[in-house]
């Protein structure tokens, strides 16, 4: 699926194409987000660390906090933002005692950013 975030056009449902475009600064649900939020996340040290840690395996918030040296509330805030942008996959895992918890895995991504006279357009291809 490709999600394009930029300034040049209104949101498109893209039923068969797998591509969506969002106007810069506009926030919508689903896999659509705005370019400022996406670039802000990718500029954030903790968000990048979470994406790196989740590349090879699904990781719990507690393990993420330990691995990246951040507080648990910081991890949860970044995970929520990353999930809202569609950059993470979330699933429920069970521990040996029968309790459940969320684990997060980074989606396969390709990001292309274009800057021209009309503004910034970012295209994210997700696997």
N, C-alpha and C. Protein backbone atom coordinates (compact mmCIF):
# COMPACT_ATOMS: atom_id res chain seq x y z
N UNK A 1 0.84 -1.17 0.00
CA UNK A 1 0.00 0.00 0.00
C UNK A 1 0.88 1.23 0.00
N UNK A 2 0.55 2.22 -0.80
CA UNK A 2 1.25 3.49 -0.81
C UNK A 2 0.38 4.54 -0.19
N UNK A 3 0.91 5.33 0.71
CA UNK A 3 0.23 6.48 1.26
C UNK A 3 1.04 7.70 0.90
N UNK A 4 0.43 8.65 0.23
CA UNK A 4 1.12 9.87 -0.13
C UNK A 4 0.58 10.99 0.74
N UNK A 5 1.49 11.70 1.38
CA UNK A 5 1.08 12.84 2.18
C UNK A 5 1.73 14.06 1.58
N UNK A 6 0.95 15.07 1.32
CA UNK A 6 1.53 16.23 0.67
C UNK A 6 0.59 17.40 0.62
N UNK A 7 0.86 18.32 -0.24
CA UNK A 7 0.17 19.59 -0.27
C UNK A 7 -0.70 19.74 -1.51
N UNK A 8 -0.53 18.90 -2.48
CA UNK A 8 -1.08 19.20 -3.79
C UNK A 8 -2.49 18.70 -4.04
N UNK A 9 -3.04 17.80 -3.25
CA UNK A 9 -4.38 17.31 -3.57
C UNK A 9 -5.14 16.88 -2.33
N UNK A 10 -6.43 16.70 -2.50
CA UNK A 10 -7.33 16.27 -1.43
C UNK A 10 -7.23 14.77 -1.26
N UNK A 11 -7.68 14.23 -0.10
CA UNK A 11 -7.63 12.78 0.11
C UNK A 11 -8.39 12.03 -0.98
N UNK A 12 -7.83 10.89 -1.38
CA UNK A 12 -8.43 10.03 -2.39
C UNK A 12 -8.57 8.65 -1.78
N UNK A 13 -9.71 8.00 -1.97
CA UNK A 13 -9.93 6.70 -1.36
C UNK A 13 -9.08 5.61 -2.01
N UNK A 14 -8.76 5.65 -3.25
CA UNK A 14 -7.85 4.69 -3.87
C UNK A 14 -8.26 3.25 -3.69
N UNK A 15 -9.52 2.93 -3.95
CA UNK A 15 -10.05 1.59 -3.68
C UNK A 15 -9.22 0.49 -4.33
N UNK A 16 -8.86 0.64 -5.56
CA UNK A 16 -8.10 -0.41 -6.22
C UNK A 16 -6.63 -0.11 -6.36
N UNK A 17 -6.27 1.15 -6.23
CA UNK A 17 -4.89 1.54 -6.52
C UNK A 17 -3.94 1.33 -5.35
N UNK A 18 -4.44 1.31 -4.12
CA UNK A 18 -3.57 1.17 -2.96
C UNK A 18 -2.80 2.43 -2.64
N UNK A 19 -3.17 3.55 -3.26
CA UNK A 19 -2.49 4.81 -2.99
C UNK A 19 -3.49 5.82 -2.45
N UNK A 20 -3.04 6.61 -1.50
CA UNK A 20 -3.87 7.65 -0.91
C UNK A 20 -3.04 8.92 -0.83
N UNK A 21 -3.69 10.06 -1.04
CA UNK A 21 -3.01 11.35 -0.97
C UNK A 21 -3.73 12.23 0.04
N UNK A 22 -2.96 12.92 0.85
CA UNK A 22 -3.53 13.79 1.86
C UNK A 22 -2.87 15.16 1.75
N UNK A 23 -3.68 16.18 1.86
CA UNK A 23 -3.17 17.54 1.81
C UNK A 23 -2.31 17.82 3.03
N UNK A 24 -1.24 18.56 2.85
CA UNK A 24 -0.34 18.90 3.96
C UNK A 24 -1.11 19.58 5.07
N UNK A 25 -0.86 19.14 6.31
CA UNK A 25 -1.50 19.72 7.46
C UNK A 25 -2.83 19.10 7.82
N UNK A 26 -3.38 18.25 6.96
CA UNK A 26 -4.67 17.62 7.24
C UNK A 26 -4.45 16.30 7.96
N UNK A 27 -5.24 16.05 9.00
CA UNK A 27 -5.15 14.81 9.76
C UNK A 27 -6.42 14.02 9.51
N UNK A 28 -6.23 12.77 9.11
CA UNK A 28 -7.37 11.90 8.90
C UNK A 28 -7.06 10.56 9.51
N UNK A 29 -8.05 9.67 9.58
CA UNK A 29 -7.87 8.36 10.18
C UNK A 29 -7.28 7.36 9.22
N UNK A 30 -7.19 6.10 9.68
CA UNK A 30 -6.69 5.01 8.85
C UNK A 30 -5.22 5.14 8.57
N UNK A 31 -4.83 4.81 7.35
CA UNK A 31 -3.43 4.86 6.96
C UNK A 31 -3.02 6.24 6.49
N UNK A 32 -3.92 7.20 6.55
CA UNK A 32 -3.60 8.54 6.07
C UNK A 32 -3.18 9.44 7.22
N UNK A 33 -2.19 10.25 6.99
CA UNK A 33 -1.71 11.19 8.00
C UNK A 33 -1.14 12.40 7.29
N UNK A 34 -0.67 13.38 8.02
CA UNK A 34 -0.13 14.55 7.34
C UNK A 34 1.40 14.51 7.31
N UNK A 35 1.95 15.24 6.37
CA UNK A 35 3.39 15.23 6.15
C UNK A 35 4.14 15.76 7.37
N UNK A 36 3.60 16.76 8.04
CA UNK A 36 4.28 17.32 9.21
C UNK A 36 4.41 16.28 10.32
N UNK A 37 3.35 15.51 10.57
CA UNK A 37 3.39 14.48 11.61
C UNK A 37 4.39 13.38 11.24
N UNK A 38 4.37 12.94 10.00
CA UNK A 38 5.29 11.90 9.56
C UNK A 38 6.74 12.36 9.69
N UNK A 39 7.05 13.54 9.21
CA UNK A 39 8.42 14.04 9.29
C UNK A 39 8.83 14.31 10.73
N UNK A 40 7.90 14.77 11.54
CA UNK A 40 8.18 14.98 12.96
C UNK A 40 8.53 13.65 13.65
N UNK A 41 7.79 12.62 13.34
CA UNK A 41 8.09 11.30 13.91
C UNK A 41 9.47 10.81 13.49
N UNK A 42 9.77 10.95 12.21
CA UNK A 42 11.05 10.45 11.71
C UNK A 42 12.22 11.29 12.22
N UNK A 43 11.93 12.51 12.69
CA UNK A 43 12.96 13.36 13.28
C UNK A 43 13.16 13.06 14.76
N UNK A 44 12.24 12.30 15.36
CA UNK A 44 12.28 12.01 16.79
C UNK A 44 13.19 10.82 17.09
N UNK A 45 14.15 11.04 17.97
CA UNK A 45 15.14 10.01 18.34
C UNK A 45 14.47 8.73 18.84
N UNK A 46 13.48 8.86 19.72
CA UNK A 46 12.83 7.68 20.29
C UNK A 46 11.97 6.95 19.26
N UNK A 47 11.28 7.69 18.42
CA UNK A 47 10.47 7.06 17.38
C UNK A 47 11.35 6.26 16.42
N UNK A 48 12.48 6.83 16.02
CA UNK A 48 13.41 6.10 15.14
C UNK A 48 13.95 4.86 15.83
N UNK A 49 14.26 4.97 17.11
CA UNK A 49 14.78 3.81 17.85
C UNK A 49 13.72 2.71 17.94
N UNK A 50 12.48 3.08 18.17
CA UNK A 50 11.39 2.10 18.21
C UNK A 50 11.26 1.41 16.86
N UNK A 51 11.32 2.18 15.78
CA UNK A 51 11.23 1.58 14.43
C UNK A 51 12.39 0.61 14.19
N UNK A 52 13.60 0.99 14.62
CA UNK A 52 14.76 0.10 14.45
C UNK A 52 14.59 -1.19 15.25
N UNK A 53 14.17 -1.07 16.50
CA UNK A 53 14.03 -2.25 17.37
C UNK A 53 12.95 -3.20 16.87
N UNK A 54 11.93 -2.66 16.23
CA UNK A 54 10.83 -3.50 15.75
C UNK A 54 11.02 -4.07 14.37
N UNK A 55 12.18 -3.85 13.76
CA UNK A 55 12.41 -4.35 12.40
C UNK A 55 12.51 -5.87 12.32
N UNK A 56 13.20 -6.49 13.28
CA UNK A 56 13.48 -7.92 13.20
C UNK A 56 12.52 -8.79 14.00
N UNK A 57 11.86 -8.19 14.98
CA UNK A 57 10.96 -8.97 15.83
C UNK A 57 9.92 -8.06 16.47
N UNK A 58 8.81 -8.65 16.89
CA UNK A 58 7.80 -7.90 17.63
C UNK A 58 8.32 -7.69 19.05
N UNK A 59 8.16 -6.47 19.58
CA UNK A 59 8.74 -6.11 20.87
C UNK A 59 7.66 -5.46 21.74
N UNK A 60 7.64 -5.80 23.02
CA UNK A 60 6.71 -5.18 23.95
C UNK A 60 7.18 -3.77 24.31
N UNK A 61 6.28 -2.97 24.85
CA UNK A 61 6.63 -1.61 25.28
C UNK A 61 7.68 -1.64 26.39
N UNK A 62 7.56 -2.60 27.31
CA UNK A 62 8.54 -2.72 28.40
C UNK A 62 9.93 -3.01 27.83
N UNK A 63 10.01 -3.95 26.89
CA UNK A 63 11.30 -4.27 26.28
C UNK A 63 11.83 -3.08 25.47
N UNK A 64 10.94 -2.37 24.77
CA UNK A 64 11.38 -1.19 24.03
C UNK A 64 11.97 -0.15 24.97
N UNK A 65 11.31 0.09 26.09
CA UNK A 65 11.81 1.07 27.05
C UNK A 65 13.21 0.69 27.53
N UNK A 66 13.41 -0.59 27.84
CA UNK A 66 14.73 -1.05 28.28
C UNK A 66 15.78 -0.90 27.18
N UNK A 67 15.42 -1.29 25.97
CA UNK A 67 16.39 -1.28 24.86
C UNK A 67 16.80 0.12 24.42
N UNK A 68 15.85 1.05 24.44
CA UNK A 68 16.18 2.39 23.90
C UNK A 68 16.45 3.41 25.01
N UNK A 69 16.33 3.01 26.26
CA UNK A 69 16.63 3.90 27.36
C UNK A 69 15.63 5.03 27.55
N UNK A 70 14.36 4.72 27.32
CA UNK A 70 13.29 5.72 27.48
C UNK A 70 12.32 5.24 28.55
N UNK A 71 11.59 6.18 29.11
CA UNK A 71 10.57 5.81 30.09
C UNK A 71 9.41 5.11 29.38
N UNK A 72 8.67 4.33 30.13
CA UNK A 72 7.52 3.63 29.56
C UNK A 72 6.47 4.60 29.01
N UNK A 73 6.14 5.70 29.71
CA UNK A 73 5.19 6.65 29.11
C UNK A 73 5.69 7.24 27.78
N UNK A 74 6.99 7.51 27.69
CA UNK A 74 7.56 8.02 26.43
C UNK A 74 7.38 7.00 25.31
N UNK A 75 7.66 5.73 25.62
CA UNK A 75 7.50 4.67 24.61
C UNK A 75 6.05 4.60 24.17
N UNK A 76 5.11 4.59 25.11
CA UNK A 76 3.69 4.51 24.74
C UNK A 76 3.24 5.70 23.90
N UNK A 77 3.73 6.89 24.21
CA UNK A 77 3.36 8.06 23.39
C UNK A 77 3.87 7.91 21.96
N UNK A 78 5.13 7.48 21.82
CA UNK A 78 5.68 7.31 20.46
C UNK A 78 4.99 6.17 19.73
N UNK A 79 4.72 5.07 20.42
CA UNK A 79 4.04 3.93 19.79
C UNK A 79 2.67 4.35 19.27
N UNK A 80 1.94 5.14 20.05
CA UNK A 80 0.61 5.59 19.61
C UNK A 80 0.72 6.44 18.35
N UNK A 81 1.69 7.34 18.30
CA UNK A 81 1.88 8.18 17.11
C UNK A 81 2.32 7.35 15.91
N UNK A 82 3.26 6.43 16.12
CA UNK A 82 3.72 5.57 15.03
C UNK A 82 2.59 4.68 14.51
N UNK A 83 1.79 4.16 15.42
CA UNK A 83 0.67 3.31 15.04
C UNK A 83 -0.38 4.12 14.27
N UNK A 84 -0.65 5.34 14.71
CA UNK A 84 -1.63 6.19 14.03
C UNK A 84 -1.20 6.51 12.60
N UNK A 85 0.11 6.56 12.36
CA UNK A 85 0.62 6.81 11.01
C UNK A 85 0.74 5.53 10.19
N UNK A 86 0.43 4.40 10.81
CA UNK A 86 0.51 3.13 10.09
C UNK A 86 1.91 2.58 9.96
N UNK A 87 2.84 3.05 10.80
CA UNK A 87 4.23 2.60 10.68
C UNK A 87 4.53 1.37 11.53
N UNK A 88 3.61 0.99 12.41
CA UNK A 88 3.79 -0.19 13.25
C UNK A 88 2.63 -1.15 13.06
N UNK A 89 2.92 -2.42 13.27
CA UNK A 89 1.88 -3.45 13.38
C UNK A 89 1.78 -3.80 14.85
N UNK A 90 0.57 -3.95 15.34
CA UNK A 90 0.33 -4.24 16.75
C UNK A 90 -0.39 -5.59 16.83
N UNK A 91 0.03 -6.42 17.78
CA UNK A 91 -0.70 -7.67 18.02
C UNK A 91 -0.64 -8.00 19.50
N UNK A 92 -1.53 -8.86 19.92
CA UNK A 92 -1.58 -9.28 21.32
C UNK A 92 -0.78 -10.54 21.51
N UNK A 93 0.06 -10.57 22.53
CA UNK A 93 0.85 -11.75 22.89
C UNK A 93 0.41 -12.22 24.27
N UNK A 94 0.64 -13.48 24.56
CA UNK A 94 0.31 -14.07 25.85
C UNK A 94 1.57 -14.45 26.59
N UNK A 95 1.63 -14.15 27.89
CA UNK A 95 2.77 -14.60 28.68
C UNK A 95 2.43 -15.97 29.27
N UNK A 96 3.42 -16.67 29.82
CA UNK A 96 3.18 -18.02 30.35
C UNK A 96 2.10 -18.08 31.42
N UNK A 97 1.87 -16.99 32.13
CA UNK A 97 0.84 -16.96 33.18
C UNK A 97 -0.57 -16.71 32.65
N UNK A 98 -0.70 -16.50 31.34
CA UNK A 98 -2.01 -16.29 30.74
C UNK A 98 -2.40 -14.84 30.56
N UNK A 99 -1.59 -13.91 31.04
CA UNK A 99 -1.87 -12.48 30.82
C UNK A 99 -1.54 -12.11 29.38
N UNK A 100 -2.16 -11.07 28.91
CA UNK A 100 -1.87 -10.63 27.54
C UNK A 100 -1.29 -9.22 27.56
N UNK A 101 -0.54 -8.91 26.51
CA UNK A 101 0.09 -7.61 26.35
C UNK A 101 0.30 -7.37 24.87
N UNK A 102 0.53 -6.11 24.51
CA UNK A 102 0.74 -5.74 23.11
C UNK A 102 2.22 -5.82 22.75
N UNK A 103 2.49 -6.28 21.53
CA UNK A 103 3.83 -6.22 20.97
C UNK A 103 3.74 -5.47 19.64
N UNK A 104 4.84 -4.85 19.26
CA UNK A 104 4.86 -3.96 18.11
C UNK A 104 5.97 -4.37 17.16
N UNK A 105 5.65 -4.32 15.88
CA UNK A 105 6.63 -4.64 14.84
C UNK A 105 6.57 -3.56 13.77
N UNK A 106 7.71 -3.15 13.30
CA UNK A 106 7.79 -2.12 12.26
C UNK A 106 7.30 -2.70 10.94
N UNK A 107 6.45 -1.94 10.27
CA UNK A 107 6.03 -2.34 8.92
C UNK A 107 7.19 -2.11 7.96
N UNK A 108 7.26 -2.91 6.92
CA UNK A 108 8.24 -2.65 5.87
C UNK A 108 7.86 -1.32 5.23
N UNK A 109 8.84 -0.44 5.11
CA UNK A 109 8.56 0.89 4.60
C UNK A 109 9.53 1.31 3.51
N UNK A 110 9.05 2.19 2.68
CA UNK A 110 9.90 2.93 1.76
C UNK A 110 9.34 4.34 1.75
N UNK A 111 10.18 5.31 2.01
CA UNK A 111 9.75 6.70 2.09
C UNK A 111 10.42 7.49 0.98
N UNK A 112 9.62 8.24 0.24
CA UNK A 112 10.13 9.13 -0.79
C UNK A 112 9.59 10.53 -0.50
N UNK A 113 10.48 11.51 -0.39
CA UNK A 113 10.08 12.88 -0.10
C UNK A 113 10.45 13.74 -1.30
N UNK A 114 9.49 14.54 -1.75
CA UNK A 114 9.71 15.43 -2.89
C UNK A 114 9.39 16.86 -2.47
N UNK A 115 10.31 17.76 -2.72
CA UNK A 115 10.12 19.18 -2.42
C UNK A 115 10.15 19.94 -3.74
N UNK A 116 9.04 20.66 -4.01
CA UNK A 116 8.99 21.47 -5.23
C UNK A 116 8.23 22.75 -4.93
N UNK A 117 7.91 23.50 -5.93
CA UNK A 117 7.22 24.78 -5.75
C UNK A 117 5.85 24.66 -5.12
N UNK A 118 5.24 23.47 -5.20
CA UNK A 118 3.91 23.26 -4.62
C UNK A 118 3.98 22.83 -3.16
N UNK A 119 5.16 22.54 -2.64
CA UNK A 119 5.30 22.12 -1.25
C UNK A 119 6.01 20.78 -1.14
N UNK A 120 5.81 20.12 -0.02
CA UNK A 120 6.44 18.84 0.25
C UNK A 120 5.44 17.73 0.07
N UNK A 121 5.85 16.70 -0.66
CA UNK A 121 5.03 15.50 -0.80
C UNK A 121 5.86 14.33 -0.33
N UNK A 122 5.29 13.49 0.53
CA UNK A 122 5.96 12.30 1.01
C UNK A 122 5.12 11.10 0.63
N UNK A 123 5.76 10.09 0.03
CA UNK A 123 5.07 8.86 -0.32
C UNK A 123 5.68 7.74 0.51
N UNK A 124 4.82 7.06 1.26
CA UNK A 124 5.25 5.93 2.08
C UNK A 124 4.64 4.67 1.49
N UNK A 125 5.50 3.73 1.10
CA UNK A 125 5.04 2.43 0.62
C UNK A 125 5.20 1.46 1.78
N UNK A 126 4.10 0.84 2.19
CA UNK A 126 4.12 -0.05 3.35
C UNK A 126 3.88 -1.47 2.92
N UNK A 127 4.61 -2.39 3.60
CA UNK A 127 4.43 -3.82 3.34
C UNK A 127 3.55 -4.46 4.35
